Amino acid sequence: MAALSGASVIVTGCSGEGGGGGNTGLRFANRLRMPPLAESSRDADGAKRFALTLQSGGRSEFLPGKVTRDTWGINGAYLGPTVRAARGERVRMAVTNRLPEASTLHWHGMRLPAEMDGGPHQMIEPGATWTPEWTVDQPAMTSWFHPHPHERTAMHVYRGLAGLFLIDDPRGPRLPSRYGVDDIPVIVQDKKFDGDGTLDTGGVDRGTFGLLGDTILINGGYDPFFTATTELVRFRLLNASNARVYRIGFADDRVYHVVAGDAGLLDRPAAVDRVKISPGERAEIVVRFAPGESVVLNSRGEPAKAANDIEEDDFDLMKIVASARPAAGEPLPAKLGGPGPAAVPPGARVRQFFLTGSEINDRDMDLTRIDDVVPAGAVEIWEIDNVTYAHNFHIHEVAFRILDLDGAPPPPYQAGPKDTVFLPKKAKVRLLVQFGGFVDPVNPYMYHCHLLRHEDKGMMGQFVIVEPGTEDRISRTIPAAHHHG
C-alpha cells in the first residue's frame, strides 16, 4: 500500500488481533507534540532531583473534536516528560502514585542497582512515593521509563504511562542535540478508539498478542507534522506500543543513517532505508533535508505475513516539512565512538532459553523464584530459541550485542549495544551479554518478552547478580514478604 501524503480523508479502519487496518490517509494537520523536558532541581550534594507523578483521570483530544477521558499520564494527562541527565550525574527520583491501583516505574535500559530498577518487586501503592536514586554511569543513549506491575503492565502502558530518559555524554561525538529543534523524540504507539473518542481497552488483555490498534499516536498526538529548521535532524525513535512492530522509513525511500540503537552509539553510522523496531526497542537516526521539501515518515509491513504472527500494516506516522532556508549543521561524524565488533571471551558461559507461547524454559513467572544467578561483571552468551510465534526479549540492567540471528550476523544498524531484540516466528538468536557490578543476592532483575500481553501472561524470569564465587550459596527463593512497595 502506497503512502498518501496528501489524502483528504482520515482512515481509521477496524483493528485488533488478526485484523488489518493500516492508516495511510492522514492530513498531517497538527504540529508535532513535543514532550516537555522534566523539571529538576539540584540538591546540596549536586544530585539532580526529579519529581514524577503517575496520575489518572486525564482528558486528551487525540482525534479531531473528540475528547478521550480517563487517560493516564506522568505529570500530565498522557505520557510523561522527557528526563535528561548526563553521564556521571547523581539522579534522585520522587515517584508518586496517584492512580487508583498499585504500579511501578521501571527505568528501561538503565544500568542501576536492582532495588532501584522499578520492576514488580518495587510496587508503589496508591498515595505512596518511591524514592530511588543512582549515579548515571553508562554511555549516551535513549532510554525510557514505564510501569512494570506483575500481570498489569500492558494496561498501564496502553493507558499512557511512559516517557523518555535521555543520557548525554559530553565526551561523545557532535550530533544534533537541541531538544525540540534538531533532536526530536518520536514515541510511536498504536491505539484503538471507539466512535466517540473513548480509548478502547477491550483487546489489551485478550488474544495471542493483545490489542493491535489502527490509529497511530506520535508523542501522544495524532496526525502530526514537524517543521525542520535545520538540514540535519536527529530523531529518537521509540516503539512504545504493546505489541505492534514497525519498519520505519520515508515514503520516498531515501537513505538516512542510524547512529545509535537501544543501549548506545554505533561504531559508525549505518546507512539504511528502513529500521525495524519491536516494542521496547529504540533507534536514533539522523536525516538530511533539502530546503522547502516535505516527506512522510511511515512504517511498512513486511511483504509476506506469516500465519499466526504479528499483523503488520502500512502506516503514515508524520510529515516532515523543511523550511525554505534550513540552518546548516556540522557533518555527520564518520566515527561515533561506540564499540567495535563483538568479541566473545574464551570460556564464556552459555545459557539457553526457550520461548513458547507464554513461558520461558517451560515455566511461568514466579515472583518468589530466582531462575538464574550471575557473577558480577560476567560476559555470557545467551541463546534464545523461539519455538513458536513472534516474541521479543528484553534483559534488565545489561547491554548485549547480537552475535547472530538464525546463524547470520545482525544488520549493521543492530550491531551496537542493545537491551531488547525481536525474534520472528521460530527464530534463534545468540546474544553476548555484559553484566554490571551491582551485587544484590536478594533483589532480582527481570528478563522477559516485551510484547506486553506475553509479559503479563507470565513470560518472564528473574536473575540476581552476586559476588563471583558465591553463586552456589545463593538462595533460589525470595520470601513473599520481600515483594514490597
Protein backbone atom coordinates (compact mmCIF):
# COMPACT_ATOMS: atom_id res chain seq x y z
CA MET A 1 0.00 0.00 0.00
CA ALA A 2 1.48 3.32 -1.01
CA ALA A 3 1.79 6.18 1.42
CA LEU A 4 -0.59 9.05 0.61
CA SER A 5 0.95 12.25 1.90
CA GLY A 6 -1.88 14.47 0.74
CA ALA A 7 -5.02 12.34 1.09
CA SER A 8 -8.17 14.19 2.08
CA VAL A 9 -9.78 11.56 4.27
CA ILE A 10 -8.79 10.12 7.62
CA VAL A 11 -8.86 6.32 7.55
CA THR A 12 -9.31 4.55 10.86
CA GLY A 13 -10.48 1.07 10.00
CA CYS A 14 -11.15 -1.80 12.29
CA SER A 15 -8.26 -3.39 14.13
CA GLY A 16 -7.29 -5.92 16.70
CA GLU A 17 -5.87 -9.41 16.75
CA GLY A 18 -5.76 -10.80 13.25
CA GLY A 19 -7.45 -7.72 11.76
CA GLY A 20 -5.92 -5.41 9.22
CA GLY A 21 -6.21 -1.69 9.43
CA GLY A 22 -3.22 0.36 8.37
CA ASN A 23 -3.61 4.11 8.19
CA THR A 24 -2.12 5.87 5.19
CA GLY A 25 -4.66 8.66 4.77
CA LEU A 26 -3.58 11.37 7.17
CA ARG A 27 -3.93 15.12 6.63
CA PHE A 28 -0.89 15.98 8.80
CA ALA A 29 -2.92 18.77 10.35
CA ASN A 30 -1.35 19.03 13.80
CA ARG A 31 2.03 20.29 14.90
CA LEU A 32 4.11 17.51 16.41
CA ARG A 33 3.64 17.41 20.16
CA MET A 34 6.97 17.74 21.97
CA PRO A 35 7.06 16.13 25.42
CA PRO A 36 8.39 18.81 27.78
CA LEU A 37 11.75 18.35 29.45
CA ALA A 38 11.22 17.27 33.03
CA GLU A 39 11.85 19.98 35.60
CA SER A 40 14.68 19.30 38.01
CA SER A 41 16.47 20.88 40.93
CA ARG A 42 19.93 20.49 42.48
CA ASP A 43 20.45 19.13 45.95
CA ALA A 44 23.29 20.43 48.12
CA ASP A 45 25.50 17.49 47.11
CA GLY A 46 24.95 18.24 43.41
CA ALA A 47 22.44 15.45 42.76
CA LYS A 48 19.76 16.16 40.18
CA ARG A 49 16.26 15.72 41.62
CA PHE A 50 13.14 14.90 39.58
CA ALA A 51 9.51 14.53 40.70
CA LEU A 52 7.26 12.23 38.65
CA THR A 53 3.59 11.66 39.46
CA LEU A 54 1.58 8.79 38.00
CA GLN A 55 -1.95 10.06 37.53
CA SER A 56 -5.30 9.03 36.08
CA GLY A 57 -8.39 10.97 35.05
CA GLY A 58 -6.76 12.82 32.17
CA ARG A 59 -8.69 14.41 29.30
CA SER A 60 -6.90 14.24 25.94
CA GLU A 61 -8.08 15.28 22.49
CA PHE A 62 -6.36 12.74 20.25
CA LEU A 63 -8.93 12.67 17.41
CA PRO A 64 -10.33 15.91 15.98
CA GLY A 65 -13.21 17.22 18.10
CA LYS A 66 -13.36 14.14 20.35
CA VAL A 67 -12.24 14.13 23.98
CA THR A 68 -10.75 10.91 25.31
CA ARG A 69 -11.46 10.71 29.03
CA ASP A 70 -9.53 8.98 31.81
CA THR A 71 -6.19 8.81 30.08
CA TRP A 72 -3.22 8.11 32.32
CA GLY A 73 -0.05 10.14 32.35
CA ILE A 74 3.03 11.18 34.28
CA ASN A 75 2.97 14.85 35.35
CA GLY A 76 0.19 15.35 32.81
CA ALA A 77 -2.85 13.86 31.10
CA TYR A 78 -0.96 11.45 28.82
CA LEU A 79 2.63 10.19 28.62
CA GLY A 80 5.34 11.86 30.68
CA PRO A 81 8.04 14.50 30.40
CA THR A 82 11.45 13.72 28.96
CA VAL A 83 14.02 13.21 31.71
CA ARG A 84 17.54 14.25 30.68
CA ALA A 85 20.75 13.69 32.63
CA ALA A 86 24.46 13.45 31.87
CA ARG A 87 26.82 10.59 32.44
CA GLY A 88 28.34 10.89 35.91
CA GLU A 89 25.37 12.74 37.42
CA ARG A 90 23.61 11.51 40.52
CA VAL A 91 19.83 11.43 39.98
CA ARG A 92 17.20 11.33 42.71
CA MET A 93 13.62 10.45 41.81
CA ALA A 94 10.41 11.00 43.72
CA VAL A 95 7.78 8.82 42.02
CA THR A 96 4.32 9.42 43.50
CA ASN A 97 1.40 7.14 42.65
CA ARG A 98 -1.93 8.96 42.23
CA LEU A 99 -3.50 6.06 40.32
CA PRO A 100 -6.43 4.03 41.69
CA GLU A 101 -4.18 0.95 41.89
CA ALA A 102 -0.59 0.00 42.68
CA SER A 103 2.03 0.40 39.97
CA THR A 104 5.77 0.79 39.46
CA LEU A 105 8.11 2.82 37.27
CA HIS A 106 10.86 0.85 35.56
CA TRP A 107 13.89 2.60 34.02
CA HIS A 108 14.14 0.59 30.81
CA GLY A 109 17.74 0.35 29.61
CA MET A 110 19.23 1.91 32.72
CA ARG A 111 22.16 0.22 34.45
CA LEU A 112 21.48 0.62 38.14
CA PRO A 113 21.09 -1.39 41.39
CA ALA A 114 18.26 -3.93 41.33
CA GLU A 115 16.37 -2.29 44.20
CA MET A 116 16.19 0.91 42.10
CA ASP A 117 15.09 -0.86 38.90
CA GLY A 118 11.35 -0.39 39.27
CA GLY A 119 10.35 -3.95 38.48
CA PRO A 120 7.44 -5.83 40.07
CA HIS A 121 9.25 -6.00 43.42
CA GLN A 122 9.24 -2.22 43.78
CA MET A 123 5.48 -1.68 43.85
CA ILE A 124 4.18 1.79 44.73
CA GLU A 125 0.83 1.73 46.48
CA PRO A 126 -1.77 4.44 45.77
CA GLY A 127 -0.78 7.60 47.60
CA ALA A 128 2.79 6.42 48.24
CA THR A 129 6.06 7.87 46.92
CA TRP A 130 9.07 5.79 45.86
CA THR A 131 12.50 7.48 46.01
CA PRO A 132 15.14 5.61 44.00
CA GLU A 133 18.50 7.22 43.30
CA TRP A 134 21.60 6.21 41.42
CA THR A 135 24.62 7.57 39.58
CA VAL A 136 24.30 7.53 35.80
CA ASP A 137 27.30 5.55 34.62
CA GLN A 138 26.73 4.38 31.07
CA PRO A 139 27.25 5.75 27.57
CA ALA A 140 24.98 8.30 25.94
CA MET A 141 21.69 6.67 24.94
CA THR A 142 17.94 6.93 24.55
CA SER A 143 16.24 5.01 27.35
CA TRP A 144 12.69 5.24 28.64
CA PHE A 145 10.51 4.57 31.67
CA HIS A 146 7.20 2.76 32.05
CA PRO A 147 5.28 0.76 34.68
CA HIS A 148 6.17 -2.87 35.35
CA PRO A 149 3.46 -4.27 37.69
CA HIS A 150 3.10 -8.04 37.53
CA GLU A 151 0.22 -9.01 35.19
CA ARG A 152 -0.85 -5.36 34.66
CA THR A 153 1.95 -3.81 32.60
CA ALA A 154 0.07 -3.93 29.26
CA MET A 155 -2.88 -1.92 30.54
CA HIS A 156 -0.79 0.66 32.39
CA VAL A 157 1.41 1.36 29.38
CA TYR A 158 -1.52 1.35 26.94
CA ARG A 159 -3.40 3.92 29.02
CA GLY A 160 -0.45 6.30 28.67
CA LEU A 161 2.25 5.75 31.30
CA ALA A 162 5.60 6.12 29.53
CA GLY A 163 8.31 8.68 28.90
CA LEU A 164 11.81 9.12 27.53
CA PHE A 165 15.01 9.22 29.60
CA LEU A 166 17.95 10.66 27.65
CA ILE A 167 21.55 10.23 28.76
CA ASP A 168 24.12 12.71 27.45
CA ASP A 169 27.89 12.28 27.42
CA PRO A 170 29.88 15.50 26.89
CA ARG A 171 32.77 13.40 25.60
CA GLY A 172 30.69 11.89 22.82
CA PRO A 173 30.56 12.84 19.13
CA ARG A 174 28.94 16.06 17.99
CA LEU A 175 25.41 15.14 16.92
CA PRO A 176 22.26 17.25 16.71
CA SER A 177 21.31 17.78 20.36
CA ARG A 178 18.99 20.79 20.68
CA TYR A 179 15.87 19.18 22.10
CA GLY A 180 12.78 20.04 20.10
CA VAL A 181 14.81 21.76 17.36
CA ASP A 182 17.14 19.21 15.75
CA ASP A 183 16.95 16.47 18.41
CA ILE A 184 13.40 15.14 18.21
CA PRO A 185 11.64 12.41 20.22
CA VAL A 186 9.37 10.10 18.22
CA ILE A 187 7.35 7.89 20.59
CA VAL A 188 5.28 5.55 18.40
CA GLN A 189 2.14 3.89 19.77
CA ASP A 190 -0.88 2.23 18.21
CA LYS A 191 -4.33 2.72 19.72
CA LYS A 192 -7.91 1.81 19.04
CA PHE A 193 -10.70 4.33 19.63
CA ASP A 194 -14.47 3.98 19.76
CA GLY A 195 -16.58 6.34 17.69
CA ASP A 196 -16.90 8.90 20.47
CA GLY A 197 -13.15 9.02 21.09
CA THR A 198 -13.10 6.61 24.03
CA LEU A 199 -9.88 4.65 24.26
CA ASP A 200 -10.81 1.03 23.53
CA THR A 201 -9.00 -1.21 26.03
CA GLY A 202 -11.05 -4.35 25.40
CA GLY A 203 -8.36 -6.22 23.48
CA VAL A 204 -5.37 -5.34 25.67
CA ASP A 205 -5.64 -8.49 27.78
CA ARG A 206 -7.01 -10.86 25.13
CA GLY A 207 -5.76 -12.96 22.25
CA THR A 208 -2.32 -14.10 21.22
CA PHE A 209 -0.69 -10.66 21.12
CA GLY A 210 -3.18 -8.39 22.80
CA LEU A 211 -4.51 -5.30 21.09
CA LEU A 212 -3.18 -4.18 17.70
CA GLY A 213 -4.52 -0.68 17.11
CA ASP A 214 -5.43 1.01 13.84
CA THR A 215 -4.58 4.58 14.89
CA ILE A 216 -1.02 5.78 15.45
CA LEU A 217 -0.07 8.38 18.02
CA ILE A 218 3.32 10.12 17.90
CA ASN A 219 4.37 11.63 21.23
CA GLY A 220 0.73 11.34 22.29
CA GLY A 221 -0.50 13.33 19.29
CA TYR A 222 -2.44 12.32 16.18
CA ASP A 223 -1.91 13.26 12.52
CA PRO A 224 1.27 15.32 13.11
CA PHE A 225 3.73 17.33 11.09
CA PHE A 226 7.16 18.62 12.08
CA THR A 227 8.92 21.66 10.63
CA ALA A 228 12.63 21.05 10.19
CA THR A 229 14.61 24.25 10.56
CA THR A 230 17.99 22.52 10.19
CA GLU A 231 19.45 20.44 7.39
CA LEU A 232 20.31 17.56 9.73
CA VAL A 233 17.74 16.28 12.23
CA ARG A 234 18.20 13.54 14.80
CA PHE A 235 15.06 11.53 15.53
CA ARG A 236 14.96 9.32 18.62
CA LEU A 237 12.57 6.51 17.68
CA LEU A 238 10.90 4.56 20.49
CA ASN A 239 8.42 1.75 19.92
CA ALA A 240 6.20 2.19 22.99
CA SER A 241 3.40 0.03 21.59
CA ASN A 242 2.19 -3.06 23.38
CA ALA A 243 2.80 -5.50 20.53
CA ARG A 244 2.98 -3.89 17.10
CA VAL A 245 6.24 -3.99 15.12
CA TYR A 246 7.24 -1.10 12.84
CA ARG A 247 9.54 -0.83 9.83
CA ILE A 248 10.23 2.88 9.77
CA GLY A 249 11.49 4.86 6.81
CA PHE A 250 10.32 7.51 4.37
CA ALA A 251 7.73 7.49 1.61
CA ASP A 252 10.41 8.39 -0.95
CA ASP A 253 12.66 5.51 0.27
CA ARG A 254 15.51 7.92 0.98
CA VAL A 255 18.63 6.67 2.68
CA TYR A 256 19.37 8.00 6.16
CA HIS A 257 21.75 6.97 8.94
CA VAL A 258 21.28 5.10 12.19
CA VAL A 259 23.70 6.42 14.82
CA ALA A 260 22.54 4.51 17.91
CA GLY A 261 20.45 1.55 19.00
CA ASP A 262 18.86 0.72 22.33
CA ALA A 263 21.88 0.97 24.60
CA GLY A 264 24.17 3.46 22.91
CA LEU A 265 26.03 4.67 19.87
CA LEU A 266 27.17 2.52 16.99
CA ASP A 267 30.80 2.33 15.98
CA ARG A 268 29.99 4.28 12.79
CA PRO A 269 26.79 5.49 11.11
CA ALA A 270 24.80 2.77 9.32
CA ALA A 271 23.09 3.75 6.05
CA VAL A 272 19.55 2.33 5.79
CA ASP A 273 16.20 3.00 4.21
CA ARG A 274 14.20 1.15 6.94
CA VAL A 275 14.71 0.22 10.57
CA LYS A 276 12.65 -2.48 12.22
CA ILE A 277 11.80 -1.89 15.88
CA SER A 278 9.67 -4.08 18.12
CA PRO A 279 8.14 -2.97 21.45
CA GLY A 280 10.76 -1.52 23.77
CA GLU A 281 13.40 -1.08 21.06
CA ARG A 282 14.89 2.31 20.18
CA ALA A 283 16.88 3.69 17.27
CA GLU A 284 18.46 7.10 16.83
CA ILE A 285 18.51 8.23 13.22
CA VAL A 286 19.97 11.30 11.51
CA VAL A 287 18.24 12.54 8.36
CA ARG A 288 19.21 15.28 5.89
CA PHE A 289 16.51 17.54 4.45
CA ALA A 290 16.66 19.85 1.44
CA PRO A 291 15.27 23.41 1.60
CA GLY A 292 11.48 23.53 1.25
CA GLU A 293 10.91 19.82 0.78
CA SER A 294 8.28 17.71 2.53
CA VAL A 295 8.33 13.96 3.06
CA VAL A 296 6.29 11.44 5.04
CA LEU A 297 7.81 9.28 7.75
CA ASN A 298 5.99 5.97 7.59
CA SER A 299 6.02 2.30 8.52
CA ARG A 300 5.64 -0.51 6.02
CA GLY A 301 4.58 -4.04 6.82
CA GLU A 302 6.65 -6.95 5.65
CA PRO A 303 5.79 -8.12 2.11
CA ALA A 304 4.61 -11.51 3.42
CA LYS A 305 2.70 -12.02 6.63
CA ALA A 306 3.24 -15.39 8.29
CA ALA A 307 0.19 -17.11 9.70
CA ASN A 308 -0.22 -16.69 13.46
CA ASP A 309 2.46 -14.00 13.56
CA ILE A 310 2.09 -10.31 14.42
CA GLU A 311 -0.05 -8.48 11.92
CA GLU A 312 1.98 -5.83 10.14
CA ASP A 313 0.29 -2.99 8.31
CA ASP A 314 1.23 0.19 6.49
CA PHE A 315 1.02 3.40 8.50
CA ASP A 316 1.84 7.02 7.89
CA LEU A 317 3.47 8.41 11.03
CA MET A 318 4.08 12.10 10.38
CA LYS A 319 5.11 14.59 7.73
CA ILE A 320 8.39 16.49 7.91
CA VAL A 321 8.37 19.88 6.19
CA ALA A 322 11.75 21.60 5.75
CA SER A 323 11.94 25.36 5.99
CA ALA A 324 12.97 27.39 2.98
CA ARG A 325 16.40 28.06 4.46
CA PRO A 326 17.28 25.32 6.97
CA ALA A 327 20.34 26.05 9.06
CA ALA A 328 23.46 24.16 8.05
CA GLY A 329 24.91 21.84 10.65
CA GLU A 330 28.14 20.00 11.22
CA PRO A 331 28.63 16.94 9.02
CA LEU A 332 27.75 13.56 10.48
CA PRO A 333 30.93 12.09 12.06
CA ALA A 334 32.44 9.11 10.28
CA LYS A 335 33.18 7.51 13.67
CA LEU A 336 30.74 7.63 16.55
CA GLY A 337 32.77 6.05 19.32
CA GLY A 338 30.54 3.07 20.01
CA PRO A 339 32.05 -0.40 20.49
CA GLY A 340 33.56 -2.22 17.54
CA PRO A 341 32.84 -5.83 16.57
CA ALA A 342 31.72 -8.03 19.45
CA ALA A 343 34.46 -10.29 20.78
CA VAL A 344 33.49 -13.45 22.66
CA PRO A 345 35.85 -14.10 25.59
CA PRO A 346 37.22 -17.63 25.85
CA GLY A 347 35.24 -19.89 28.16
CA ALA A 348 32.16 -17.66 28.26
CA ARG A 349 29.25 -19.40 29.95
CA VAL A 350 26.33 -20.29 27.67
CA ARG A 351 22.75 -20.14 28.97
CA GLN A 352 19.82 -21.39 26.91
CA PHE A 353 16.29 -20.04 26.93
CA PHE A 354 13.32 -21.50 25.07
CA LEU A 355 10.35 -19.24 24.32
CA THR A 356 6.98 -20.91 23.93
CA GLY A 357 3.52 -19.39 23.91
CA SER A 358 3.77 -17.63 27.27
CA GLU A 359 6.60 -19.42 29.06
CA ILE A 360 10.39 -19.33 29.23
CA ASN A 361 12.03 -22.74 29.64
CA ASP A 362 8.58 -24.24 30.26
CA ARG A 363 7.96 -22.08 33.35
CA ASP A 364 5.66 -19.17 34.03
CA MET A 365 6.86 -16.22 36.06
CA ASP A 366 7.02 -16.76 39.83
CA LEU A 367 7.86 -13.68 41.90
CA THR A 368 9.36 -15.85 44.64
CA ARG A 369 11.70 -17.86 42.36
CA ILE A 370 15.23 -16.93 41.24
CA ASP A 371 15.81 -18.51 37.85
CA ASP A 372 19.45 -17.57 37.27
CA VAL A 373 22.41 -16.44 39.36
CA VAL A 374 25.11 -14.44 37.57
CA PRO A 375 28.53 -13.34 38.88
CA ALA A 376 29.12 -9.59 38.79
CA GLY A 377 30.91 -8.38 35.67
CA ALA A 378 30.31 -11.62 33.77
CA VAL A 379 30.23 -11.76 29.98
CA GLU A 380 27.97 -14.61 28.88
CA ILE A 381 26.34 -16.00 25.76
CA TRP A 382 22.57 -16.25 25.98
CA GLU A 383 20.93 -18.41 23.31
CA ILE A 384 17.27 -17.50 22.88
CA ASP A 385 15.34 -20.11 20.90
CA ASN A 386 11.84 -19.03 19.90
CA VAL A 387 9.94 -22.24 19.19
CA THR A 388 6.60 -20.59 18.46
CA TYR A 389 5.11 -17.32 17.10
CA ALA A 390 6.80 -13.92 17.31
CA HIS A 391 8.28 -12.67 20.57
CA ASN A 392 10.99 -10.31 21.64
CA PHE A 393 13.39 -10.46 24.57
CA HIS A 394 14.46 -7.73 27.00
CA ILE A 395 17.05 -8.09 29.77
CA HIS A 396 17.12 -5.58 32.61
CA GLU A 397 20.40 -3.90 33.68
CA VAL A 398 22.57 -5.29 30.87
CA ALA A 399 23.84 -4.23 27.48
CA PHE A 400 24.18 -7.01 24.94
CA ARG A 401 25.36 -7.49 21.39
CA ILE A 402 23.63 -9.66 18.83
CA LEU A 403 26.12 -12.31 17.72
CA ASP A 404 23.81 -13.86 15.15
CA LEU A 405 20.15 -14.33 14.28
CA ASP A 406 19.39 -17.69 12.70
CA GLY A 407 23.11 -18.05 12.09
CA ALA A 408 23.53 -14.74 10.25
CA PRO A 409 25.17 -11.59 11.68
CA PRO A 410 22.83 -8.71 12.52
CA PRO A 411 22.43 -5.84 10.07
CA PRO A 412 24.90 -3.02 10.81
CA TYR A 413 22.24 -0.82 12.40
CA GLN A 414 21.63 -3.55 15.03
CA ALA A 415 25.29 -4.37 15.63
CA GLY A 416 25.73 -1.93 18.50
CA PRO A 417 24.78 -2.28 22.17
CA LYS A 418 21.16 -3.27 22.80
CA ASP A 419 18.83 -4.40 25.57
CA THR A 420 15.86 -5.67 23.54
CA VAL A 421 15.80 -7.95 20.50
CA PHE A 422 13.00 -9.12 18.19
CA LEU A 423 12.63 -12.83 17.45
CA PRO A 424 10.40 -13.68 14.49
CA LYS A 425 8.46 -16.89 14.43
CA LYS A 426 10.74 -19.92 15.02
CA ALA A 427 13.89 -17.76 15.14
CA LYS A 428 17.01 -18.27 17.26
CA VAL A 429 19.34 -15.52 18.41
CA ARG A 430 22.67 -15.60 20.25
CA LEU A 431 23.49 -12.64 22.49
CA LEU A 432 26.78 -11.59 24.05
CA VAL A 433 25.61 -10.21 27.40
CA GLN A 434 27.69 -7.89 29.58
CA PHE A 435 26.51 -7.82 33.20
CA GLY A 436 27.17 -4.99 35.61
CA GLY A 437 28.70 -4.87 39.05
CA PHE A 438 25.71 -4.08 41.28
CA VAL A 439 25.74 -7.02 43.67
CA ASP A 440 22.47 -7.99 45.37
CA PRO A 441 21.62 -11.65 46.17
CA VAL A 442 18.04 -10.80 47.18
CA ASN A 443 16.67 -8.17 44.77
CA PRO A 444 16.33 -9.62 41.26
CA TYR A 445 16.37 -8.17 37.78
CA MET A 446 13.96 -9.41 35.09
CA TYR A 447 14.24 -10.86 31.62
CA HIS A 448 11.06 -11.18 29.61
CA CYS A 449 9.20 -10.85 26.36
CA HIS A 450 8.42 -7.18 25.82
CA LEU A 451 5.23 -7.91 23.92
CA LEU A 452 3.31 -6.80 26.97
CA ARG A 453 0.46 -9.30 26.74
CA HIS A 454 3.08 -12.07 26.86
CA GLU A 455 4.89 -10.48 29.80
CA ASP A 456 1.63 -10.24 31.73
CA LYS A 457 0.77 -13.88 30.99
CA GLY A 458 4.00 -14.97 32.68
CA MET A 459 6.69 -14.91 30.01
CA MET A 460 9.33 -13.60 32.40
CA GLY A 461 12.19 -14.83 34.56
CA GLN A 462 14.39 -13.39 37.30
CA PHE A 463 18.13 -13.27 37.92
CA VAL A 464 20.37 -11.89 40.62
CA ILE A 465 23.93 -10.60 40.32
CA VAL A 466 26.26 -11.77 43.10
CA GLU A 467 29.89 -11.70 44.13
CA PRO A 468 31.91 -14.04 41.86
CA GLY A 469 32.43 -17.40 43.52
CA THR A 470 29.29 -17.23 45.66
CA GLU A 471 26.80 -18.42 43.03
CA ASP A 472 26.24 -21.86 44.61
CA ARG A 473 25.47 -20.35 48.02
CA ILE A 474 22.63 -18.12 46.87
CA SER A 475 19.05 -18.98 47.79
CA ARG A 476 16.78 -19.54 44.79
CA THR A 477 13.73 -18.39 46.74
CA ILE A 478 12.62 -14.85 47.55
CA PRO A 479 10.43 -14.53 50.67
CA ALA A 480 6.94 -13.43 49.74
CA ALA A 481 7.25 -10.53 52.19
CA HIS A 482 10.10 -9.14 50.07
CA HIS A 483 7.64 -8.20 47.33
CA HIS A 484 7.03 -4.72 48.64
CA GLY A 485 6.23 -1.15 47.83
